[in-house]
PDB file of all heavy atoms in Angstrom:
ATOM      1  N   VAL A   1     126.227 110.782 112.664  1.00  0.00           N
ATOM      2  CA  VAL A   1     127.621 110.868 113.088  1.00  0.00           C
ATOM      3  C   VAL A   1     128.393 111.858 112.219  1.00  0.00           C
ATOM      4  O   VAL A   1     129.136 112.706 112.721  1.00  0.00           O
ATOM      5  CB  VAL A   1     128.280 109.469 113.035  1.00  0.00           C
ATOM      6  CG1 VAL A   1     129.787 109.564 113.274  1.00  0.00           C
ATOM      7  CG2 VAL A   1     127.635 108.535 114.050  1.00  0.00           C
ATOM      8  N   ASP A   2     128.200 111.769 110.905  1.00  0.00           N
ATOM      9  CA  ASP A   2     128.881 112.686 109.991  1.00  0.00           C
ATOM     10  C   ASP A   2     128.478 114.129 110.272  1.00  0.00           C
ATOM     11  O   ASP A   2     129.311 115.046 110.237  1.00  0.00           O
ATOM     12  CB  ASP A   2     128.548 112.324 108.537  1.00  0.00           C
ATOM     13  CG  ASP A   2     129.132 110.979 108.121  1.00  0.00           C
ATOM     14  OD1 ASP A   2     130.058 110.493 108.806  1.00  0.00           O
ATOM     15  OD2 ASP A   2     128.636 110.404 107.127  1.00  0.00           O
ATOM     16  N   SER A   3     127.201 114.344 110.542  1.00  0.00           N
ATOM     17  CA  SER A   3     126.701 115.685 110.843  1.00  0.00           C
ATOM     18  C   SER A   3     127.343 116.235 112.114  1.00  0.00           C
ATOM     19  O   SER A   3     127.709 117.420 112.174  1.00  0.00           O
ATOM     20  CB  SER A   3     125.180 115.650 111.001  1.00  0.00           C
ATOM     21  OG  SER A   3     124.676 116.903 111.403  1.00  0.00           O
ATOM     22  N   MET A   4     127.512 115.389 113.110  1.00  0.00           N
ATOM     23  CA  MET A   4     128.124 115.812 114.373  1.00  0.00           C
ATOM     24  C   MET A   4     129.585 116.206 114.167  1.00  0.00           C
ATOM     25  O   MET A   4     130.040 117.237 114.681  1.00  0.00           O
ATOM     26  CB  MET A   4     128.004 114.693 115.398  1.00  0.00           C
ATOM     27  CG  MET A   4     126.590 114.394 115.841  1.00  0.00           C
ATOM     28  SD  MET A   4     126.004 115.516 117.120  1.00  0.00           S
ATOM     29  CE  MET A   4     126.669 114.702 118.582  1.00  0.00           C
ATOM     30  N   HIS A   5     130.328 115.403 113.424  1.00  0.00           N
ATOM     31  CA  HIS A   5     131.738 115.726 113.179  1.00  0.00           C
ATOM     32  C   HIS A   5     131.873 117.043 112.415  1.00  0.00           C
ATOM     33  O   HIS A   5     132.756 117.847 112.717  1.00  0.00           O
ATOM     34  CB  HIS A   5     132.410 114.596 112.400  1.00  0.00           C
ATOM     35  CG  HIS A   5     132.817 113.427 113.250  1.00  0.00           C
ATOM     36  ND1 HIS A   5     133.776 113.530 114.243  1.00  0.00           N
ATOM     37  CD2 HIS A   5     132.390 112.143 113.264  1.00  0.00           C
ATOM     38  CE1 HIS A   5     133.924 112.351 114.832  1.00  0.00           C
ATOM     39  NE2 HIS A   5     133.097 111.502 114.264  1.00  0.00           N
ATOM     40  N   HIS A   6     131.006 117.260 111.446  1.00  0.00           N
ATOM     41  CA  HIS A   6     131.052 118.503 110.672  1.00  0.00           C
ATOM     42  C   HIS A   6     130.744 119.703 111.569  1.00  0.00           C
ATOM     43  O   HIS A   6     131.450 120.725 111.507  1.00  0.00           O
ATOM     44  CB  HIS A   6     130.043 118.427 109.524  1.00  0.00           C
ATOM     45  CG  HIS A   6     129.959 119.685 108.713  1.00  0.00           C
ATOM     46  ND1 HIS A   6     130.926 120.052 107.794  1.00  0.00           N
ATOM     47  CD2 HIS A   6     129.025 120.676 108.684  1.00  0.00           C
ATOM     48  CE1 HIS A   6     130.601 121.210 107.253  1.00  0.00           C
ATOM     49  NE2 HIS A   6     129.456 121.617 107.776  1.00  0.00           N
ATOM     50  N   PHE A   7     129.738 119.575 112.398  1.00  0.00           N
ATOM     51  CA  PHE A   7     129.356 120.679 113.275  1.00  0.00           C
ATOM     52  C   PHE A   7     130.455 121.010 114.279  1.00  0.00           C
ATOM     53  O   PHE A   7     130.685 122.182 114.609  1.00  0.00           O
ATOM     54  CB  PHE A   7     128.066 120.318 114.015  1.00  0.00           C
ATOM     55  CG  PHE A   7     127.643 121.338 115.030  1.00  0.00           C
ATOM     56  CD1 PHE A   7     127.091 122.548 114.632  1.00  0.00           C
ATOM     57  CD2 PHE A   7     127.816 121.108 116.390  1.00  0.00           C
ATOM     58  CE1 PHE A   7     126.702 123.501 115.565  1.00  0.00           C
ATOM     59  CE2 PHE A   7     127.430 122.048 117.335  1.00  0.00           C
ATOM     60  CZ  PHE A   7     126.877 123.254 116.919  1.00  0.00           C
ATOM     61  N   LEU A   8     131.156 119.989 114.777  1.00  0.00           N
ATOM     62  CA  LEU A   8     132.146 120.194 115.838  1.00  0.00           C
ATOM     63  C   LEU A   8     133.537 120.560 115.321  1.00  0.00           C
ATOM     64  O   LEU A   8     134.432 120.827 116.132  1.00  0.00           O
ATOM     65  CB  LEU A   8     132.246 118.937 116.711  1.00  0.00           C
ATOM     66  CG  LEU A   8     131.072 118.694 117.663  1.00  0.00           C
ATOM     67  CD1 LEU A   8     131.223 117.352 118.361  1.00  0.00           C
ATOM     68  CD2 LEU A   8     130.973 119.810 118.694  1.00  0.00           C
ATOM     69  N   ALA A   9     133.722 120.614 114.010  1.00  0.00           N
ATOM     70  CA  ALA A   9     135.044 120.932 113.463  1.00  0.00           C
ATOM     71  C   ALA A   9     135.601 122.251 114.020  1.00  0.00           C
ATOM     72  O   ALA A   9     136.786 122.317 114.396  1.00  0.00           O
ATOM     73  CB  ALA A   9     134.992 120.955 111.937  1.00  0.00           C
ATOM     74  N   PRO A  10     134.820 123.333 114.124  1.00  0.00           N
ATOM     75  CA  PRO A  10     135.362 124.581 114.680  1.00  0.00           C
ATOM     76  C   PRO A  10     135.700 124.486 116.165  1.00  0.00           C
ATOM     77  O   PRO A  10     136.372 125.379 116.702  1.00  0.00           O
ATOM     78  CB  PRO A  10     134.229 125.595 114.451  1.00  0.00           C
ATOM     79  CG  PRO A  10     133.354 124.995 113.406  1.00  0.00           C
ATOM     80  CD  PRO A  10     133.442 123.524 113.625  1.00  0.00           C
ATOM     81  N   TYR A  11     135.235 123.430 116.826  1.00  0.00           N
ATOM     82  CA  TYR A  11     135.486 123.259 118.253  1.00  0.00           C
ATOM     83  C   TYR A  11     136.733 122.403 118.536  1.00  0.00           C
ATOM     84  O   TYR A  11     137.063 122.173 119.701  1.00  0.00           O
ATOM     85  CB  TYR A  11     134.277 122.595 118.930  1.00  0.00           C
ATOM     86  CG  TYR A  11     133.046 123.465 118.999  1.00  0.00           C
ATOM     87  CD1 TYR A  11     132.142 123.511 117.936  1.00  0.00           C
ATOM     88  CD2 TYR A  11     132.766 124.234 120.120  1.00  0.00           C
ATOM     89  CE1 TYR A  11     130.998 124.303 117.992  1.00  0.00           C
ATOM     90  CE2 TYR A  11     131.621 125.029 120.191  1.00  0.00           C
ATOM     91  CZ  TYR A  11     130.751 125.050 119.123  1.00  0.00           C
ATOM     92  OH  TYR A  11     129.617 125.835 119.180  1.00  0.00           O
ATOM     93  N   ASP A  12     137.399 121.931 117.486  1.00  0.00           N
ATOM     94  CA  ASP A  12     138.608 121.129 117.693  1.00  0.00           C
ATOM     95  C   ASP A  12     139.570 121.868 118.618  1.00  0.00           C
ATOM     96  O   ASP A  12     139.750 123.089 118.497  1.00  0.00           O
ATOM     97  CB  ASP A  12     139.296 120.835 116.360  1.00  0.00           C
ATOM     98  CG  ASP A  12     138.565 119.759 115.565  1.00  0.00           C
ATOM     99  OD1 ASP A  12     137.707 119.064 116.137  1.00  0.00           O
ATOM    100  OD2 ASP A  12     138.847 119.625 114.352  1.00  0.00           O
ATOM    101  N   ASP A  13     140.191 121.140 119.514  1.00  0.00           N
ATOM    102  CA  ASP A  13     141.041 121.766 120.523  1.00  0.00           C
ATOM    103  C   ASP A  13     142.113 122.668 119.909  1.00  0.00           C
ATOM    104  O   ASP A  13     142.350 123.788 120.387  1.00  0.00           O
ATOM    105  CB  ASP A  13     141.704 120.684 121.379  1.00  0.00           C
ATOM    106  CG  ASP A  13     140.710 120.040 122.347  1.00  0.00           C
ATOM    107  OD1 ASP A  13     139.488 120.130 122.086  1.00  0.00           O
ATOM    108  OD2 ASP A  13     141.157 119.454 123.347  1.00  0.00           O
ATOM    109  N   LYS A  14     142.764 122.205 118.852  1.00  0.00           N
ATOM    110  CA  LYS A  14     143.829 123.003 118.245  1.00  0.00           C
ATOM    111  C   LYS A  14     143.288 124.289 117.638  1.00  0.00           C
ATOM    112  O   LYS A  14     143.926 125.351 117.726  1.00  0.00           O
ATOM    113  CB  LYS A  14     144.549 122.168 117.166  1.00  0.00           C
ATOM    114  CG  LYS A  14     145.427 121.059 117.731  1.00  0.00           C
ATOM    115  CD  LYS A  14     146.195 120.362 116.632  1.00  0.00           C
ATOM    116  CE  LYS A  14     147.112 119.278 117.202  1.00  0.00           C
ATOM    117  NZ  LYS A  14     147.859 118.577 116.127  1.00  0.00           N
ATOM    118  N   VAL A  15     142.123 124.213 117.034  1.00  0.00           N
ATOM    119  CA  VAL A  15     141.503 125.404 116.444  1.00  0.00           C
ATOM    120  C   VAL A  15     141.171 126.418 117.535  1.00  0.00           C
ATOM    121  O   VAL A  15     141.442 127.623 117.399  1.00  0.00           O
ATOM    122  CB  VAL A  15     140.220 125.020 115.674  1.00  0.00           C
ATOM    123  CG1 VAL A  15     139.498 126.276 115.182  1.00  0.00           C
ATOM    124  CG2 VAL A  15     140.554 124.112 114.497  1.00  0.00           C
ATOM    125  N   GLN A  16     140.613 125.935 118.636  1.00  0.00           N
ATOM    126  CA  GLN A  16     140.259 126.826 119.737  1.00  0.00           C
ATOM    127  C   GLN A  16     141.497 127.453 120.376  1.00  0.00           C
ATOM    128  O   GLN A  16     141.496 128.635 120.728  1.00  0.00           O
ATOM    129  CB  GLN A  16     139.451 126.051 120.784  1.00  0.00           C
ATOM    130  CG  GLN A  16     138.040 125.695 120.342  1.00  0.00           C
ATOM    131  CD  GLN A  16     137.142 126.913 120.205  1.00  0.00           C
ATOM    132  OE1 GLN A  16     137.085 127.758 121.084  1.00  0.00           O
ATOM    133  NE2 GLN A  16     136.446 127.013 119.082  1.00  0.00           N
ATOM    134  N   GLU A  17     142.544 126.665 120.538  1.00  0.00           N
ATOM    135  CA  GLU A  17     143.768 127.189 121.150  1.00  0.00           C
ATOM    136  C   GLU A  17     144.423 128.245 120.278  1.00  0.00           C
ATOM    137  O   GLU A  17     145.032 129.199 120.779  1.00  0.00           O
ATOM    138  CB  GLU A  17     144.736 126.034 121.404  1.00  0.00           C
ATOM    139  CG  GLU A  17     144.278 125.101 122.531  1.00  0.00           C
ATOM    140  CD  GLU A  17     145.108 123.836 122.608  1.00  0.00           C
ATOM    141  OE1 GLU A  17     146.013 123.673 121.756  1.00  0.00           O
ATOM    142  OE2 GLU A  17     144.842 122.996 123.486  1.00  0.00           O
ATOM    143  N   GLU A  18     144.306 128.104 118.963  1.00  0.00           N
ATOM    144  CA  GLU A  18     144.917 129.065 118.037  1.00  0.00           C
ATOM    145  C   GLU A  18     144.127 130.369 117.963  1.00  0.00           C
ATOM    146  O   GLU A  18     144.707 131.459 117.867  1.00  0.00           O
ATOM    147  CB  GLU A  18     145.015 128.449 116.635  1.00  0.00           C
ATOM    148  CG  GLU A  18     146.040 127.331 116.523  1.00  0.00           C
ATOM    149  CD  GLU A  18     146.002 126.663 115.154  1.00  0.00           C
ATOM    150  OE1 GLU A  18     145.154 127.079 114.313  1.00  0.00           O
ATOM    151  OE2 GLU A  18     146.795 125.739 114.923  1.00  0.00           O
ATOM    152  N   LYS A  19     142.804 130.270 118.028  1.00  0.00           N
ATOM    153  CA  LYS A  19     141.971 131.446 117.757  1.00  0.00           C
ATOM    154  C   LYS A  19     141.438 132.135 119.008  1.00  0.00           C
ATOM    155  O   LYS A  19     141.201 133.340 118.989  1.00  0.00           O
ATOM    156  CB  LYS A  19     140.791 131.047 116.860  1.00  0.00           C
ATOM    157  CG  LYS A  19     141.198 130.619 115.459  1.00  0.00           C
ATOM    158  CD  LYS A  19     139.966 130.358 114.599  1.00  0.00           C
ATOM    159  CE  LYS A  19     140.357 130.031 113.165  1.00  0.00           C
ATOM    160  NZ  LYS A  19     139.163 129.820 112.299  1.00  0.00           N
ATOM    161  N   ASN A  20     141.233 131.379 120.076  1.00  0.00           N
ATOM    162  CA  ASN A  20     140.535 131.922 121.238  1.00  0.00           C
ATOM    163  C   ASN A  20     141.373 131.841 122.509  1.00  0.00           C
ATOM    164  O   ASN A  20     142.431 131.203 122.534  1.00  0.00           O
ATOM    165  CB  ASN A  20     139.194 131.213 121.423  1.00  0.00           C
ATOM    166  CG  ASN A  20     138.252 131.441 120.247  1.00  0.00           C
ATOM    167  OD1 ASN A  20     138.345 132.450 119.567  1.00  0.00           O
ATOM    168  ND2 ASN A  20     137.362 130.509 119.994  1.00  0.00           N
ATOM    169  N   ILE A  21     140.879 132.464 123.561  1.00  0.00           N
ATOM    170  CA  ILE A  21     141.640 132.554 124.804  1.00  0.00           C
ATOM    171  C   ILE A  21     140.951 131.789 125.924  1.00  0.00           C
ATOM    172  O   ILE A  21     139.758 131.493 125.868  1.00  0.00           O
ATOM    173  CB  ILE A  21     141.818 134.026 125.228  1.00  0.00           C
ATOM    174  CG1 ILE A  21     140.456 134.658 125.565  1.00  0.00           C
ATOM    175  CG2 ILE A  21     142.521 134.821 124.140  1.00  0.00           C
ATOM    176  CD1 ILE A  21     140.559 136.038 126.180  1.00  0.00           C
ATOM    177  N   GLU A  22     141.712 131.473 126.965  1.00  0.00           N
ATOM    178  CA  GLU A  22     141.141 130.871 128.155  1.00  0.00           C
ATOM    179  C   GLU A  22     140.529 131.977 129.014  1.00  0.00           C
ATOM    180  O   GLU A  22     141.135 133.020 129.211  1.00  0.00           O
ATOM    181  CB  GLU A  22     142.208 130.117 128.941  1.00  0.00           C
ATOM    182  CG  GLU A  22     142.743 128.880 128.232  1.00  0.00           C
ATOM    183  CD  GLU A  22     143.687 128.082 129.117  1.00  0.00           C
ATOM    184  OE1 GLU A  22     143.675 128.318 130.345  1.00  0.00           O
ATOM    185  OE2 GLU A  22     144.432 127.252 128.581  1.00  0.00           O
ATOM    186  N   CYS A  23     139.349 131.728 129.521  1.00  0.00           N
ATOM    187  CA  CYS A  23     138.640 132.741 130.303  1.00  0.00           C
ATOM    188  C   CYS A  23     138.329 132.216 131.702  1.00  0.00           C
ATOM    189  O   CYS A  23     138.407 131.019 131.960  1.00  0.00           O
ATOM    190  CB  CYS A  23     137.329 133.129 129.603  1.00  0.00           C
ATOM    191  SG  CYS A  23     137.554 133.827 127.957  1.00  0.00           S
ATOM    192  N   VAL A  24     137.991 133.135 132.577  1.00  0.00           N
ATOM    193  CA  VAL A  24     137.664 132.787 133.958  1.00  0.00           C
ATOM    194  C   VAL A  24     136.228 132.283 134.018  1.00  0.00           C
ATOM    195  O   VAL A  24     135.290 132.965 133.573  1.00  0.00           O
ATOM    196  CB  VAL A  24     137.824 134.010 134.880  1.00  0.00           C
ATOM    197  CG1 VAL A  24     137.451 133.644 136.309  1.00  0.00           C
ATOM    198  CG2 VAL A  24     139.259 134.532 134.814  1.00  0.00           C
ATOM    199  N   SER A  25     136.039 131.085 134.562  1.00  0.00           N
ATOM    200  CA  SER A  25     134.705 130.497 134.655  1.00  0.00           C
ATOM    201  C   SER A  25     133.863 131.210 135.705  1.00  0.00           C
ATOM    202  O   SER A  25     134.384 131.792 136.662  1.00  0.00           O
ATOM    203  CB  SER A  25     134.805 129.005 134.998  1.00  0.00           C
ATOM    204  OG  SER A  25     135.466 128.296 133.974  1.00  0.00           O
ATOM    205  N   GLY A  26     132.563 131.149 135.515  1.00  0.00           N
ATOM    206  CA  GLY A  26     131.639 131.631 136.527  1.00  0.00           C
ATOM    207  C   GLY A  26     131.348 133.119 136.514  1.00  0.00           C
ATOM    208  O   GLY A  26     130.660 133.615 137.400  1.00  0.00           O
ATOM    209  N   GLN A  27     131.859 133.833 135.490  1.00  0.00           N
ATOM    210  CA  GLN A  27     131.566 135.265 135.412  1.00  0.00           C
ATOM    211  C   GLN A  27     131.501 135.693 133.957  1.00  0.00           C
ATOM    212  O   GLN A  27     132.148 135.113 133.093  1.00  0.00           O
ATOM    213  CB  GLN A  27     132.621 136.081 136.158  1.00  0.00           C
ATOM    214  CG  GLN A  27     134.031 135.976 135.587  1.00  0.00           C
ATOM    215  CD  GLN A  27     135.060 136.696 136.437  1.00  0.00           C
ATOM    216  OE1 GLN A  27     135.081 136.571 137.655  1.00  0.00           O
ATOM    217  NE2 GLN A  27     135.922 137.473 135.785  1.00  0.00           N
ATOM    218  N   TYR A  28     130.689 136.716 133.701  1.00  0.00           N
ATOM    219  CA  TYR A  28     130.552 137.211 132.343  1.00  0.00           C
ATOM    220  C   TYR A  28     131.882 137.782 131.843  1.00  0.00           C
ATOM    221  O   TYR A  28     132.659 138.351 132.619  1.00  0.00           O
ATOM    222  CB  TYR A  28     129.491 138.320 132.281  1.00  0.00           C
ATOM    223  CG  TYR A  28     128.085 137.876 132.646  1.00  0.00           C
ATOM    224  CD1 TYR A  28     127.397 138.490 133.690  1.00  0.00           C
ATOM    225  CD2 TYR A  28     127.446 136.866 131.943  1.00  0.00           C
ATOM    226  CE1 TYR A  28     126.104 138.105 134.030  1.00  0.00           C
ATOM    227  CE2 TYR A  28     126.154 136.470 132.272  1.00  0.00           C
ATOM    228  CZ  TYR A  28     125.492 137.087 133.317  1.00  0.00           C
ATOM    229  OH  TYR A  28     124.225 136.694 133.645  1.00  0.00           O
ATOM    230  N   PHE A  29     132.137 137.614 130.562  1.00  0.00           N
ATOM    231  CA  PHE A  29     133.338 138.160 129.937  1.00  0.00           C
ATOM    232  C   PHE A  29     132.939 139.449 129.213  1.00  0.00           C
ATOM    233  O   PHE A  29     132.623 139.449 128.032  1.00  0.00           O
ATOM    234  CB  PHE A  29     133.934 137.147 128.970  1.00  0.00           C
ATOM    235  CG  PHE A  29     135.228 137.592 128.339  1.00  0.00           C
ATOM    236  CD1 PHE A  29     136.107 138.433 129.005  1.00  0.00           C
ATOM    237  CD2 PHE A  29     135.588 137.156 127.069  1.00  0.00           C
ATOM    238  CE1 PHE A  29     137.299 138.842 128.429  1.00  0.00           C
ATOM    239  CE2 PHE A  29     136.775 137.546 126.480  1.00  0.00           C
ATOM    240  CZ  PHE A  29     137.631 138.392 127.162  1.00  0.00           C
ATOM    241  N   ILE A  30     132.949 140.549 129.970  1.00  0.00           N
ATOM    242  CA  ILE A  30     132.514 141.839 129.448  1.00  0.00           C
ATOM    243  C   ILE A  30     133.720 142.580 128.885  1.00  0.00           C
ATOM    244  O   ILE A  30     134.735 142.742 129.566  1.00  0.00           O
ATOM    245  CB  ILE A  30     131.833 142.666 130.553  1.00  0.00           C
ATOM    246  CG1 ILE A  30     130.583 141.914 131.052  1.00  0.00           C
ATOM    247  CG2 ILE A  30     131.449 144.049 130.039  1.00  0.00           C
ATOM    248  CD1 ILE A  30     129.936 142.537 132.257  1.00  0.00           C
ATOM    249  N   GLN A  31     133.606 143.018 127.641  1.00  0.00           N
ATOM    250  CA  GLN A  31     134.712 143.674 126.961  1.00  0.00           C
ATOM    251  C   GLN A  31     134.321 145.105 126.586  1.00  0.00           C
ATOM    252  O   GLN A  31     133.289 145.344 125.968  1.00  0.00           O
ATOM    253  CB  GLN A  31     135.089 142.891 125.702  1.00  0.00           C
ATOM    254  CG  GLN A  31     135.453 141.437 126.005  1.00  0.00           C
ATOM    255  CD  GLN A  31     135.803 140.647 124.771  1.00  0.00           C
ATOM    256  OE1 GLN A  31     136.766 140.957 124.066  1.00  0.00           O
ATOM    257  NE2 GLN A  31     135.027 139.608 124.490  1.00  0.00           N
ATOM    258  N   GLY A  32     135.164 146.035 126.976  1.00  0.00           N
ATOM    259  CA  GLY A  32     134.911 147.441 126.680  1.00  0.00           C
ATOM    260  C   GLY A  32     135.530 147.853 125.363  1.00  0.00           C
ATOM    261  O   GLY A  32     135.752 147.044 124.470  1.00  0.00           O
ATOM    262  N   GLY A  33     135.848 149.138 125.260  1.00  0.00           N
ATOM    263  CA  GLY A  33     136.456 149.654 124.046  1.00  0.00           C
ATOM    264  C   GLY A  33     135.430 150.063 123.013  1.00  0.00           C
ATOM    265  O   GLY A  33     134.223 149.974 123.220  1.00  0.00           O
ATOM    266  N   ASN A  34     135.922 150.494 121.871  1.00  0.00           N
ATOM    267  CA  ASN A  34     135.053 150.911 120.784  1.00  0.00           C
ATOM    268  C   ASN A  34     134.244 149.734 120.274  1.00  0.00           C
ATOM    269  O   ASN A  34     134.740 148.617 120.168  1.00  0.00           O
ATOM    270  CB  ASN A  34     135.903 151.498 119.657  1.00  0.00           C
ATOM    271  CG  ASN A  34     135.059 152.189 118.605  1.00  0.00           C
ATOM    272  OD1 ASN A  34     134.329 151.547 117.851  1.00  0.00           O
ATOM    273  ND2 ASN A  34     135.158 153.512 118.546  1.00  0.00           N
ATOM    274  N   GLU A  35     132.983 149.976 119.930  1.00  0.00           N
ATOM    275  CA  GLU A  35     132.113 148.878 119.516  1.00  0.00           C
ATOM    276  C   GLU A  35     132.572 148.228 118.214  1.00  0.00           C
ATOM    277  O   GLU A  35     132.169 147.099 117.903  1.00  0.00           O
ATOM    278  CB  GLU A  35     130.674 149.354 119.365  1.00  0.00           C
ATOM    279  CG  GLU A  35     130.452 150.365 118.261  1.00  0.00           C
ATOM    280  CD  GLU A  35     128.991 150.755 118.114  1.00  0.00           C
ATOM    281  OE1 GLU A  35     128.165 150.245 118.899  1.00  0.00           O
ATOM    282  OE2 GLU A  35     128.671 151.571 117.223  1.00  0.00           O
ATOM    283  N   SER A  36     133.418 148.903 117.451  1.00  0.00           N
ATOM    284  CA  SER A  36     133.899 148.339 116.192  1.00  0.00           C
ATOM    285  C   SER A  36     135.150 147.483 116.374  1.00  0.00           C
ATOM    286  O   SER A  36     135.599 146.834 115.430  1.00  0.00           O
ATOM    287  CB  SER A  36     134.186 149.454 115.194  1.00  0.00           C
ATOM    288  OG  SER A  36     135.228 150.293 115.665  1.00  0.00           O
ATOM    289  N   GLU A  37     135.735 147.486 117.593  1.00  0.00           N
ATOM    290  CA  GLU A  37     136.934 146.693 117.847  1.00  0.00           C
ATOM    291  C   GLU A  37     136.601 145.207 117.886  1.00  0.00           C
ATOM    292  O   GLU A  37     135.565 144.815 118.408  1.00  0.00           O
ATOM    293  CB  GLU A  37     137.568 147.107 119.182  1.00  0.00           C
ATOM    294  CG  GLU A  37     138.146 148.505 119.179  1.00  0.00           C
ATOM    295  CD  GLU A  37     138.746 148.857 120.535  1.00  0.00           C
ATOM    296  OE1 GLU A  37     138.803 147.965 121.412  1.00  0.00           O
ATOM    297  OE2 GLU A  37     139.132 150.021 120.729  1.00  0.00           O
TER     298      GLU A  37
END
């Protein structure tokens, strides 16, 4: 149980909402631009 909580800490809803975006399901999220961006 402790191992699971530790592993899932980066997946906490608030962490995800702050750092990441909502994407469209069912299709690849292909991003262009310079490879260093």
